[in-house]
């Protein structure tokens, strides 16, 4: 199997800071020794929603299938760790960039399966949990509240069929979208 590429969309807001002097005291004068002068003032800040998504590693090479994997109908691979930092509630979504895998021929006389569906890759946030078939529609991967660092590992089950999955190199791009409503 070829590495599965990931893309991530991250939404971030810039923090603005302004400092203003009080209109009632626009200047200050002092004389004598020691001379001190002070002006009352104020500061104002608008902190918007800020989110960050980090992924390690940036791509995952799925485990190559063995005869036992074909017999079982799947094999398992541990994917990347996704780390979210956010100053508000957030949701991380996942979807396939296209409906089918990219397939490249590797064996003379045996064409790679060009219609292998994205759903042949299933994902979960628990290695032995329930897995969800990947589609081209966003699926909620994980949600959280404001945090400095929330890490989640994604796990994959790749489905195989003796009669359908012909020799070839297969790859698929997956899109991760981090939002803070």
Protein backbone atom coordinates (compact mmCIF):
# COMPACT_ATOMS: atom_id res chain seq x y z
CA UNK A 1 0.00 0.00 0.00
CA UNK A 2 1.07 3.54 -0.65
CA UNK A 3 0.88 6.27 2.02
CA UNK A 4 -2.51 7.76 2.61
CA UNK A 5 -2.22 11.56 2.42
CA UNK A 6 -3.94 13.88 4.82
CA UNK A 7 -4.92 17.51 4.46
CA UNK A 8 -6.12 19.70 7.27
CA UNK A 9 -8.18 22.85 7.27
CA UNK A 10 -7.58 25.07 10.26
CA UNK A 11 -9.64 28.13 11.15
CA UNK A 12 -7.85 30.81 13.20
CA UNK A 13 -8.59 34.36 14.34
CA UNK A 14 -6.10 37.13 15.07
CA UNK A 15 -6.07 38.82 18.50
CA UNK A 16 -6.19 42.63 18.41
CA UNK A 17 -4.97 44.99 21.16
CA UNK A 18 -5.53 48.72 21.42
CA UNK A 19 -4.32 51.25 23.96
CA UNK A 20 -6.04 54.63 24.38
CA UNK A 21 -5.35 57.61 26.63
CA UNK A 22 -8.21 59.08 28.62
CA UNK A 23 -9.79 62.02 26.78
CA UNK A 24 -10.09 63.93 30.11
CA UNK A 25 -6.28 63.98 30.62
CA UNK A 26 -4.57 64.30 27.27
CA UNK A 27 -1.30 65.64 28.71
CA UNK A 28 0.73 65.70 31.87
CA UNK A 29 3.11 68.35 33.21
CA UNK A 30 5.40 68.14 36.26
CA UNK A 31 8.09 70.39 37.70
CA UNK A 32 10.46 70.29 40.63
CA UNK A 33 12.63 67.48 41.87
CA UNK A 34 11.71 64.68 41.62
CA UNK A 35 9.31 65.28 38.75
CA UNK A 36 6.64 62.66 38.16
CA UNK A 37 3.67 62.75 35.91
CA UNK A 38 1.00 60.15 35.24
CA UNK A 39 -1.85 59.80 32.81
CA UNK A 40 -4.80 57.51 33.39
CA UNK A 41 -5.43 55.22 30.44
CA UNK A 42 -7.12 52.00 29.45
CA UNK A 43 -6.50 49.01 27.26
CA UNK A 44 -9.01 46.97 25.29
CA UNK A 45 -8.61 43.64 23.55
CA UNK A 46 -10.75 41.42 21.36
CA UNK A 47 -9.78 37.75 21.48
CA UNK A 48 -11.45 35.80 18.70
CA UNK A 49 -11.72 32.04 18.40
CA UNK A 50 -8.32 30.45 17.82
CA UNK A 51 -7.83 26.78 16.93
CA UNK A 52 -4.79 24.74 15.90
CA UNK A 53 -4.51 21.20 14.51
CA UNK A 54 -1.22 19.32 14.54
CA UNK A 55 -0.75 15.87 13.01
CA UNK A 56 2.09 13.43 13.50
CA UNK A 57 3.10 11.77 11.28
CA UNK A 58 1.82 13.70 8.24
CA UNK A 59 0.94 10.55 6.28
CA UNK A 60 0.20 6.92 7.08
CA UNK A 61 1.38 3.86 5.19
CA UNK A 62 -1.33 1.24 5.54
CA UNK A 63 -0.19 -2.30 6.36
CA UNK A 64 0.16 -4.44 3.22
CA UNK A 65 -2.42 -7.24 3.19
CA UNK A 66 -1.40 -10.83 3.88
CA UNK A 67 -3.34 -13.98 2.95
CA UNK A 68 -4.73 -14.00 6.51
CA UNK A 69 -5.94 -10.41 6.02
CA UNK A 70 -7.76 -11.39 2.81
CA UNK A 71 -9.32 -14.33 4.68
CA UNK A 72 -10.40 -12.02 7.54
CA UNK A 73 -11.57 -9.35 5.09
CA UNK A 74 -9.46 -6.55 6.61
CA UNK A 75 -6.25 -5.53 8.37
CA UNK A 76 -5.54 -2.86 10.97
CA UNK A 77 -3.14 0.09 10.96
CA UNK A 78 -2.48 2.72 13.62
CA UNK A 79 -2.74 6.14 12.01
CA UNK A 80 -1.53 9.58 13.05
CA UNK A 81 -2.00 11.37 16.34
CA UNK A 82 -4.08 14.54 15.95
CA UNK A 83 -3.54 17.28 18.54
CA UNK A 84 -6.00 20.15 18.90
CA UNK A 85 -5.42 23.41 20.76
CA UNK A 86 -8.39 25.79 20.99
CA UNK A 87 -9.70 28.62 23.14
CA UNK A 88 -13.35 27.59 22.60
CA UNK A 89 -15.43 24.49 21.88
CA UNK A 90 -14.34 22.68 18.71
CA UNK A 91 -15.11 19.74 16.42
CA UNK A 92 -12.72 17.77 14.21
CA UNK A 93 -14.25 16.20 11.09
CA UNK A 94 -12.89 13.63 8.63
CA UNK A 95 -13.85 12.72 5.06
CA UNK A 96 -12.36 11.21 1.90
CA UNK A 97 -11.25 13.70 -0.75
CA UNK A 98 -12.78 11.48 -3.46
CA UNK A 99 -15.20 8.56 -3.71
CA UNK A 100 -12.59 6.00 -4.86
CA UNK A 101 -8.95 5.17 -4.21
CA UNK A 102 -6.24 6.09 -6.72
CA UNK A 103 -4.96 2.86 -8.26
CA UNK A 104 -1.76 2.22 -10.21
CA UNK A 105 -0.99 -1.04 -12.03
CA UNK A 106 1.98 -3.01 -10.70
CA UNK A 107 1.60 -6.45 -12.30
CA UNK A 108 1.48 -7.21 -16.04
CA UNK A 109 -1.88 -8.71 -16.97
CA UNK A 110 -3.54 -7.71 -13.68
CA UNK A 111 -5.17 -4.31 -13.65
CA UNK A 112 -5.35 -2.44 -10.36
CA UNK A 113 -8.89 -1.94 -9.04
CA UNK A 114 -9.83 1.58 -10.14
CA UNK A 115 -13.24 1.49 -8.44
CA UNK A 116 -12.14 0.57 -4.89
CA UNK A 117 -14.54 2.68 -2.79
CA UNK A 118 -13.39 5.10 -0.08
CA UNK A 119 -15.64 3.11 2.28
CA UNK A 120 -13.07 0.27 2.11
CA UNK A 121 -11.14 2.36 4.63
CA UNK A 122 -12.76 2.47 8.05
CA UNK A 123 -11.67 4.70 10.93
CA UNK A 124 -12.04 4.79 14.70
CA UNK A 125 -10.60 6.69 17.65
CA UNK A 126 -10.32 3.40 19.60
CA UNK A 127 -8.15 0.54 18.31
CA UNK A 128 -10.66 -2.15 19.29
CA UNK A 129 -13.80 -0.02 18.98
CA UNK A 130 -16.48 0.34 16.36
CA UNK A 131 -15.14 1.48 12.99
CA UNK A 132 -16.91 3.87 10.59
CA UNK A 133 -16.61 3.65 6.80
CA UNK A 134 -15.00 6.71 5.24
CA UNK A 135 -17.21 8.73 2.88
CA UNK A 136 -16.90 12.02 1.01
CA UNK A 137 -19.15 13.70 3.61
CA UNK A 138 -17.75 15.12 6.85
CA UNK A 139 -18.09 12.80 9.85
CA UNK A 140 -17.43 14.03 13.38
CA UNK A 141 -14.18 12.44 14.52
CA UNK A 142 -13.88 14.08 17.95
CA UNK A 143 -15.19 17.14 19.80
CA UNK A 144 -13.89 19.07 22.77
CA UNK A 145 -13.90 22.25 24.82
CA UNK A 146 -11.20 24.90 25.22
CA UNK A 147 -7.87 23.14 25.72
CA UNK A 148 -4.14 23.73 25.42
CA UNK A 149 -3.66 20.23 23.99
CA UNK A 150 -6.11 17.41 23.25
CA UNK A 151 -4.55 14.42 21.46
CA UNK A 152 -6.46 11.70 19.60
CA UNK A 153 -5.01 8.80 17.63
CA UNK A 154 -6.95 7.60 14.59
CA UNK A 155 -6.99 3.88 13.77
CA UNK A 156 -7.76 2.33 10.37
CA UNK A 157 -9.22 -0.95 9.16
CA UNK A 158 -8.67 -1.51 5.44
CA UNK A 159 -11.16 -3.90 3.81
CA UNK A 160 -9.97 -6.56 1.34
CA UNK A 161 -11.66 -9.01 -1.00
CA UNK A 162 -9.90 -11.92 -2.72
CA UNK A 163 -12.01 -11.44 -5.86
CA UNK A 164 -12.02 -7.62 -6.06
CA UNK A 165 -8.70 -6.27 -4.75
CA UNK A 166 -6.20 -6.93 -7.52
CA UNK A 167 -2.46 -6.19 -7.29
CA UNK A 168 -1.57 -2.50 -7.48
CA UNK A 169 -0.52 0.56 -5.56
CA UNK A 170 -3.49 2.25 -3.88
CA UNK A 171 -3.70 5.64 -2.20
CA UNK A 172 -6.34 8.07 -1.04
CA UNK A 173 -6.34 11.59 0.38
CA UNK A 174 -8.23 12.22 3.59
CA UNK A 175 -9.36 15.68 4.66
CA UNK A 176 -9.43 16.75 8.31
CA UNK A 177 -11.41 19.89 9.12
CA UNK A 178 -11.18 21.60 12.50
CA UNK A 179 -13.97 24.05 13.31
CA UNK A 180 -14.99 26.17 16.26
CA UNK A 181 -18.59 27.25 15.80
